[in-house]
PDB file of N, CA and C in Angstrom:
ATOM      1  N   MET A   1      -9.748 -12.122   3.088  1.00  0.00           N
ATOM      2  CA  MET A   1      -9.178 -12.684   4.284  1.00  0.00           C
ATOM      3  C   MET A   1      -9.531 -14.163   4.310  1.00  0.00           C
ATOM      4  N   PHE A   2      -8.635 -14.927   4.872  1.00  0.00           N
ATOM      5  CA  PHE A   2      -8.847 -16.376   4.934  1.00  0.00           C
ATOM      6  C   PHE A   2      -8.594 -16.855   6.355  1.00  0.00           C
ATOM      7  N   ASP A   3      -9.535 -17.605   6.872  1.00  0.00           N
ATOM      8  CA  ASP A   3      -9.409 -18.188   8.204  1.00  0.00           C
ATOM      9  C   ASP A   3      -8.918 -19.626   8.044  1.00  0.00           C
ATOM     10  N   PRO A   4      -7.625 -19.856   8.296  1.00  0.00           N
ATOM     11  CA  PRO A   4      -7.098 -21.207   8.087  1.00  0.00           C
ATOM     12  C   PRO A   4      -7.698 -22.233   9.039  1.00  0.00           C
ATOM     13  N   SER A   5      -8.140 -21.819  10.213  1.00  0.00           N
ATOM     14  CA  SER A   5      -8.715 -22.785  11.154  1.00  0.00           C
ATOM     15  C   SER A   5     -10.051 -23.318  10.660  1.00  0.00           C
ATOM     16  N   ALA A   6     -10.779 -22.486   9.922  1.00  0.00           N
ATOM     17  CA  ALA A   6     -12.066 -22.909   9.379  1.00  0.00           C
ATOM     18  C   ALA A   6     -11.960 -23.260   7.894  1.00  0.00           C
ATOM     19  N   GLU A   7     -10.781 -23.002   7.327  1.00  0.00           N
ATOM     20  CA  GLU A   7     -10.537 -23.241   5.904  1.00  0.00           C
ATOM     21  C   GLU A   7     -11.585 -22.586   5.027  1.00  0.00           C
ATOM     22  N   GLN A   8     -11.868 -21.307   5.334  1.00  0.00           N
ATOM     23  CA  GLN A   8     -12.843 -20.582   4.524  1.00  0.00           C
ATOM     24  C   GLN A   8     -12.513 -19.097   4.469  1.00  0.00           C
ATOM     25  N   SER A   9     -13.045 -18.461   3.450  1.00  0.00           N
ATOM     26  CA  SER A   9     -12.888 -17.026   3.293  1.00  0.00           C
ATOM     27  C   SER A   9     -13.773 -16.329   4.328  1.00  0.00           C
ATOM     28  N   THR A  10     -13.240 -15.304   4.966  1.00  0.00           N
ATOM     29  CA  THR A  10     -14.023 -14.584   5.977  1.00  0.00           C
ATOM     30  C   THR A  10     -14.329 -13.151   5.565  1.00  0.00           C
ATOM     31  N   GLY A  11     -13.812 -12.712   4.426  1.00  0.00           N
ATOM     32  CA  GLY A  11     -14.084 -11.358   3.974  1.00  0.00           C
ATOM     33  C   GLY A  11     -13.044 -10.881   2.987  1.00  0.00           C
ATOM     34  N   THR A  12     -13.134  -9.614   2.654  1.00  0.00           N
ATOM     35  CA  THR A  12     -12.193  -9.008   1.725  1.00  0.00           C
ATOM     36  C   THR A  12     -11.547  -7.801   2.382  1.00  0.00           C
ATOM     37  N   ILE A  13     -10.416  -7.422   1.850  1.00  0.00           N
ATOM     38  CA  ILE A  13      -9.693  -6.265   2.362  1.00  0.00           C
ATOM     39  C   ILE A  13      -9.475  -5.298   1.209  1.00  0.00           C
ATOM     40  N   ALA A  14      -9.814  -4.044   1.429  1.00  0.00           N
ATOM     41  CA  ALA A  14      -9.558  -3.020   0.413  1.00  0.00           C
ATOM     42  C   ALA A  14      -8.076  -2.692   0.422  1.00  0.00           C
ATOM     43  N   ILE A  15      -7.483  -2.692  -0.750  1.00  0.00           N
ATOM     44  CA  ILE A  15      -6.049  -2.409  -0.860  1.00  0.00           C
ATOM     45  C   ILE A  15      -5.879  -1.102  -1.615  1.00  0.00           C
ATOM     46  N   GLY A  16      -5.101  -0.193  -1.034  1.00  0.00           N
ATOM     47  CA  GLY A  16      -4.850   1.090  -1.676  1.00  0.00           C
ATOM     48  C   GLY A  16      -3.538   1.065  -2.443  1.00  0.00           C
ATOM     49  N   SER A  17      -3.398   2.039  -3.294  1.00  0.00           N
ATOM     50  CA  SER A  17      -2.181   2.155  -4.093  1.00  0.00           C
ATOM     51  C   SER A  17      -1.167   3.042  -3.379  1.00  0.00           C
ATOM     52  N   ALA A  18       0.016   3.129  -3.945  1.00  0.00           N
ATOM     53  CA  ALA A  18       1.034   4.028  -3.413  1.00  0.00           C
ATOM     54  C   ALA A  18       0.538   5.470  -3.482  1.00  0.00           C
ATOM     55  N   ALA A  19      -0.190   5.803  -4.533  1.00  0.00           N
ATOM     56  CA  ALA A  19      -0.748   7.161  -4.663  1.00  0.00           C
ATOM     57  C   ALA A  19      -1.755   7.437  -3.547  1.00  0.00           C
ATOM     58  N   ASP A  20      -2.560   6.438  -3.192  1.00  0.00           N
ATOM     59  CA  ASP A  20      -3.514   6.589  -2.082  1.00  0.00           C
ATOM     60  C   ASP A  20      -2.766   6.874  -0.785  1.00  0.00           C
ATOM     61  N   ALA A  21      -1.694   6.132  -0.563  1.00  0.00           N
ATOM     62  CA  ALA A  21      -0.902   6.327   0.653  1.00  0.00           C
ATOM     63  C   ALA A  21      -0.278   7.714   0.667  1.00  0.00           C
ATOM     64  N   GLU A  22       0.227   8.161  -0.447  1.00  0.00           N
ATOM     65  CA  GLU A  22       0.840   9.490  -0.526  1.00  0.00           C
ATOM     66  C   GLU A  22      -0.182  10.587  -0.240  1.00  0.00           C
ATOM     67  N   ARG A  23      -1.391  10.445  -0.773  1.00  0.00           N
ATOM     68  CA  ARG A  23      -2.459  11.429  -0.493  1.00  0.00           C
ATOM     69  C   ARG A  23      -2.799  11.438   0.988  1.00  0.00           C
ATOM     70  N   ALA A  24      -2.852  10.264   1.604  1.00  0.00           N
ATOM     71  CA  ALA A  24      -3.149  10.182   3.037  1.00  0.00           C
ATOM     72  C   ALA A  24      -2.051  10.843   3.866  1.00  0.00           C
ATOM     73  N   ILE A  25      -0.803  10.628   3.472  1.00  0.00           N
ATOM     74  CA  ILE A  25       0.317  11.235   4.194  1.00  0.00           C
ATOM     75  C   ILE A  25       0.271  12.755   4.071  1.00  0.00           C
ATOM     76  N   GLU A  26       0.022  13.260   2.886  1.00  0.00           N
ATOM     77  CA  GLU A  26      -0.054  14.712   2.686  1.00  0.00           C
ATOM     78  C   GLU A  26      -1.216  15.317   3.474  1.00  0.00           C
ATOM     79  N   ALA A  27      -2.346  14.621   3.500  1.00  0.00           N
ATOM     80  CA  ALA A  27      -3.487  15.117   4.272  1.00  0.00           C
ATOM     81  C   ALA A  27      -3.156  15.156   5.753  1.00  0.00           C
ATOM     82  N   ALA A  28      -2.464  14.140   6.237  1.00  0.00           N
ATOM     83  CA  ALA A  28      -2.077  14.104   7.650  1.00  0.00           C
ATOM     84  C   ALA A  28      -1.107  15.228   7.981  1.00  0.00           C
ATOM     85  N   ARG A  29      -0.164  15.479   7.092  1.00  0.00           N
ATOM     86  CA  ARG A  29       0.780  16.581   7.320  1.00  0.00           C
ATOM     87  C   ARG A  29       0.060  17.921   7.384  1.00  0.00           C
ATOM     88  N   ALA A  30      -0.868  18.137   6.460  1.00  0.00           N
ATOM     89  CA  ALA A  30      -1.618  19.395   6.441  1.00  0.00           C
ATOM     90  C   ALA A  30      -2.463  19.535   7.704  1.00  0.00           C
ATOM     91  N   ALA A  31      -3.096  18.450   8.117  1.00  0.00           N
ATOM     92  CA  ALA A  31      -3.931  18.492   9.324  1.00  0.00           C
ATOM     93  C   ALA A  31      -3.080  18.755  10.554  1.00  0.00           C
ATOM     94  N   PHE A  32      -1.901  18.150  10.620  1.00  0.00           N
ATOM     95  CA  PHE A  32      -1.039  18.352  11.784  1.00  0.00           C
ATOM     96  C   PHE A  32      -0.598  19.805  11.886  1.00  0.00           C
ATOM     97  N   THR A  33      -0.300  20.427  10.766  1.00  0.00           N
ATOM     98  CA  THR A  33       0.122  21.829  10.779  1.00  0.00           C
ATOM     99  C   THR A  33      -0.947  22.690  11.444  1.00  0.00           C
ATOM    100  N   THR A  34      -2.184  22.494  11.070  1.00  0.00           N
ATOM    101  CA  THR A  34      -3.280  23.263  11.662  1.00  0.00           C
ATOM    102  C   THR A  34      -3.502  22.859  13.113  1.00  0.00           C
ATOM    103  N   TYR A  35      -3.560  21.555  13.362  1.00  0.00           N
ATOM    104  CA  TYR A  35      -3.824  21.064  14.711  1.00  0.00           C
ATOM    105  C   TYR A  35      -2.748  21.508  15.698  1.00  0.00           C
ATOM    106  N   SER A  36      -1.498  21.489  15.280  1.00  0.00           N
ATOM    107  CA  SER A  36      -0.416  21.851  16.192  1.00  0.00           C
ATOM    108  C   SER A  36      -0.454  23.326  16.580  1.00  0.00           C
ATOM    109  N   GLN A  37      -1.159  24.131  15.806  1.00  0.00           N
ATOM    110  CA  GLN A  37      -1.296  25.554  16.118  1.00  0.00           C
ATOM    111  C   GLN A  37      -2.568  25.839  16.918  1.00  0.00           C
ATOM    112  N   THR A  38      -3.376  24.813  17.129  1.00  0.00           N
ATOM    113  CA  THR A  38      -4.602  24.963  17.916  1.00  0.00           C
ATOM    114  C   THR A  38      -4.225  25.007  19.393  1.00  0.00           C
ATOM    115  N   PRO A  39      -4.735  25.998  20.128  1.00  0.00           N
ATOM    116  CA  PRO A  39      -4.416  26.063  21.561  1.00  0.00           C
ATOM    117  C   PRO A  39      -4.816  24.769  22.272  1.00  0.00           C
ATOM    118  N   LYS A  40      -4.003  24.371  23.229  1.00  0.00           N
ATOM    119  CA  LYS A  40      -4.239  23.107  23.935  1.00  0.00           C
ATOM    120  C   LYS A  40      -5.627  23.045  24.553  1.00  0.00           C
ATOM    121  N   GLY A  41      -6.140  24.160  25.007  1.00  0.00           N
ATOM    122  CA  GLY A  41      -7.462  24.180  25.621  1.00  0.00           C
ATOM    123  C   GLY A  41      -8.591  23.919  24.637  1.00  0.00           C
ATOM    124  N   GLU A  42      -8.349  24.125  23.344  1.00  0.00           N
ATOM    125  CA  GLU A  42      -9.372  23.903  22.318  1.00  0.00           C
ATOM    126  C   GLU A  42      -9.297  22.505  21.707  1.00  0.00           C
ATOM    127  N   ARG A  43      -8.201  21.810  21.921  1.00  0.00           N
ATOM    128  CA  ARG A  43      -8.010  20.509  21.278  1.00  0.00           C
ATOM    129  C   ARG A  43      -9.015  19.443  21.707  1.00  0.00           C
ATOM    130  N   PRO A  44      -9.377  19.346  22.996  1.00  0.00           N
ATOM    131  CA  PRO A  44     -10.361  18.316  23.372  1.00  0.00           C
ATOM    132  C   PRO A  44     -11.695  18.472  22.626  1.00  0.00           C
ATOM    133  N   ALA A  45     -12.164  19.702  22.472  1.00  0.00           N
ATOM    134  CA  ALA A  45     -13.432  19.913  21.768  1.00  0.00           C
ATOM    135  C   ALA A  45     -13.299  19.508  20.297  1.00  0.00           C
ATOM    136  N   LEU A  46     -12.160  19.802  19.706  1.00  0.00           N
ATOM    137  CA  LEU A  46     -11.917  19.418  18.319  1.00  0.00           C
ATOM    138  C   LEU A  46     -11.914  17.899  18.176  1.00  0.00           C
ATOM    139  N   LEU A  47     -11.241  17.215  19.081  1.00  0.00           N
ATOM    140  CA  LEU A  47     -11.210  15.757  19.037  1.00  0.00           C
ATOM    141  C   LEU A  47     -12.590  15.147  19.271  1.00  0.00           C
ATOM    142  N   GLU A  48     -13.389  15.779  20.114  1.00  0.00           N
ATOM    143  CA  GLU A  48     -14.766  15.310  20.336  1.00  0.00           C
ATOM    144  C   GLU A  48     -15.587  15.440  19.057  1.00  0.00           C
ATOM    145  N   ARG A  49     -15.390  16.524  18.309  1.00  0.00           N
ATOM    146  CA  ARG A  49     -16.091  16.697  17.035  1.00  0.00           C
ATOM    147  C   ARG A  49     -15.681  15.609  16.049  1.00  0.00           C
ATOM    148  N   ILE A  50     -14.386  15.316  16.002  1.00  0.00           N
ATOM    149  CA  ILE A  50     -13.902  14.266  15.106  1.00  0.00           C
ATOM    150  C   ILE A  50     -14.515  12.924  15.500  1.00  0.00           C
ATOM    151  N   LEU A  51     -14.531  12.630  16.785  1.00  0.00           N
ATOM    152  CA  LEU A  51     -15.120  11.382  17.269  1.00  0.00           C
ATOM    153  C   LEU A  51     -16.598  11.287  16.889  1.00  0.00           C
ATOM    154  N   ALA A  52     -17.331  12.375  17.033  1.00  0.00           N
ATOM    155  CA  ALA A  52     -18.758  12.383  16.690  1.00  0.00           C
ATOM    156  C   ALA A  52     -18.958  12.083  15.201  1.00  0.00           C
ATOM    157  N   ILE A  53     -18.099  12.660  14.362  1.00  0.00           N
ATOM    158  CA  ILE A  53     -18.197  12.413  12.919  1.00  0.00           C
ATOM    159  C   ILE A  53     -17.886  10.950  12.616  1.00  0.00           C
ATOM    160  N   LEU A  54     -16.826  10.421  13.223  1.00  0.00           N
ATOM    161  CA  LEU A  54     -16.487   9.015  12.992  1.00  0.00           C
ATOM    162  C   LEU A  54     -17.610   8.088  13.441  1.00  0.00           C
ATOM    163  N   LYS A  55     -18.214   8.375  14.592  1.00  0.00           N
ATOM    164  CA  LYS A  55     -19.318   7.544  15.070  1.00  0.00           C
ATOM    165  C   LYS A  55     -20.510   7.622  14.129  1.00  0.00           C
ATOM    166  N   ARG A  56     -20.820   8.828  13.666  1.00  0.00           N
ATOM    167  CA  ARG A  56     -21.969   9.022  12.775  1.00  0.00           C
ATOM    168  C   ARG A  56     -21.753   8.300  11.440  1.00  0.00           C
ATOM    169  N   ARG A  57     -20.508   8.234  10.981  1.00  0.00           N
ATOM    170  CA  ARG A  57     -20.207   7.649   9.673  1.00  0.00           C
ATOM    171  C   ARG A  57     -19.591   6.254   9.766  1.00  0.00           C
ATOM    172  N   ARG A  58     -19.701   5.609  10.941  1.00  0.00           N
ATOM    173  CA  ARG A  58     -19.017   4.338  11.162  1.00  0.00           C
ATOM    174  C   ARG A  58     -19.427   3.260  10.163  1.00  0.00           C
ATOM    175  N   HIS A  59     -20.686   3.208   9.766  1.00  0.00           N
ATOM    176  CA  HIS A  59     -21.107   2.171   8.824  1.00  0.00           C
ATOM    177  C   HIS A  59     -20.519   2.443   7.437  1.00  0.00           C
ATOM    178  N   GLU A  60     -20.517   3.692   7.044  1.00  0.00           N
ATOM    179  CA  GLU A  60     -19.923   4.066   5.767  1.00  0.00           C
ATOM    180  C   GLU A  60     -18.421   3.753   5.754  1.00  0.00           C
ATOM    181  N   ILE A  61     -17.751   4.087   6.841  1.00  0.00           N
ATOM    182  CA  ILE A  61     -16.324   3.808   6.944  1.00  0.00           C
ATOM    183  C   ILE A  61     -16.071   2.306   6.927  1.00  0.00           C
ATOM    184  N   GLY A  62     -16.895   1.565   7.648  1.00  0.00           N
ATOM    185  CA  GLY A  62     -16.765   0.110   7.663  1.00  0.00           C
ATOM    186  C   GLY A  62     -16.949  -0.492   6.278  1.00  0.00           C
ATOM    187  N   ASP A  63     -17.890   0.030   5.497  1.00  0.00           N
ATOM    188  CA  ASP A  63     -18.101  -0.462   4.150  1.00  0.00           C
ATOM    189  C   ASP A  63     -16.906  -0.179   3.246  1.00  0.00           C
ATOM    190  N   ILE A  64     -16.216   0.922   3.497  1.00  0.00           N
ATOM    191  CA  ILE A  64     -15.032   1.241   2.703  1.00  0.00           C
ATOM    192  C   ILE A  64     -13.881   0.320   3.090  1.00  0.00           C
ATOM    193  N   ILE A  65     -13.724   0.079   4.377  1.00  0.00           N
ATOM    194  CA  ILE A  65     -12.624  -0.754   4.853  1.00  0.00           C
ATOM    195  C   ILE A  65     -12.837  -2.213   4.471  1.00  0.00           C
ATOM    196  N   LEU A  66     -14.045  -2.695   4.626  1.00  0.00           N
ATOM    197  CA  LEU A  66     -14.376  -4.095   4.305  1.00  0.00           C
ATOM    198  C   LEU A  66     -15.520  -4.122   3.314  1.00  0.00           C
ATOM    199  N   PRO A  67     -15.207  -3.922   2.015  1.00  0.00           N
ATOM    200  CA  PRO A  67     -16.284  -3.852   1.000  1.00  0.00           C
ATOM    201  C   PRO A  67     -16.989  -5.179   0.812  1.00  0.00           C
TER     202      PRO A  67
END
């Protein structure tokens, strides 16, 4: 990344391939199939679990996004 106002590099961006994007799309489709069959009353608890995992792994995820 480049900040033109400061005329300096501010970081890097991880770039995925078309194959990476295709794997992500397939994973999302598979997850939606299961999630859409989850009763509405159970969905908030599932989303809370996902949020807890994302929070716990936020530094790891950040390192992947901005190596």
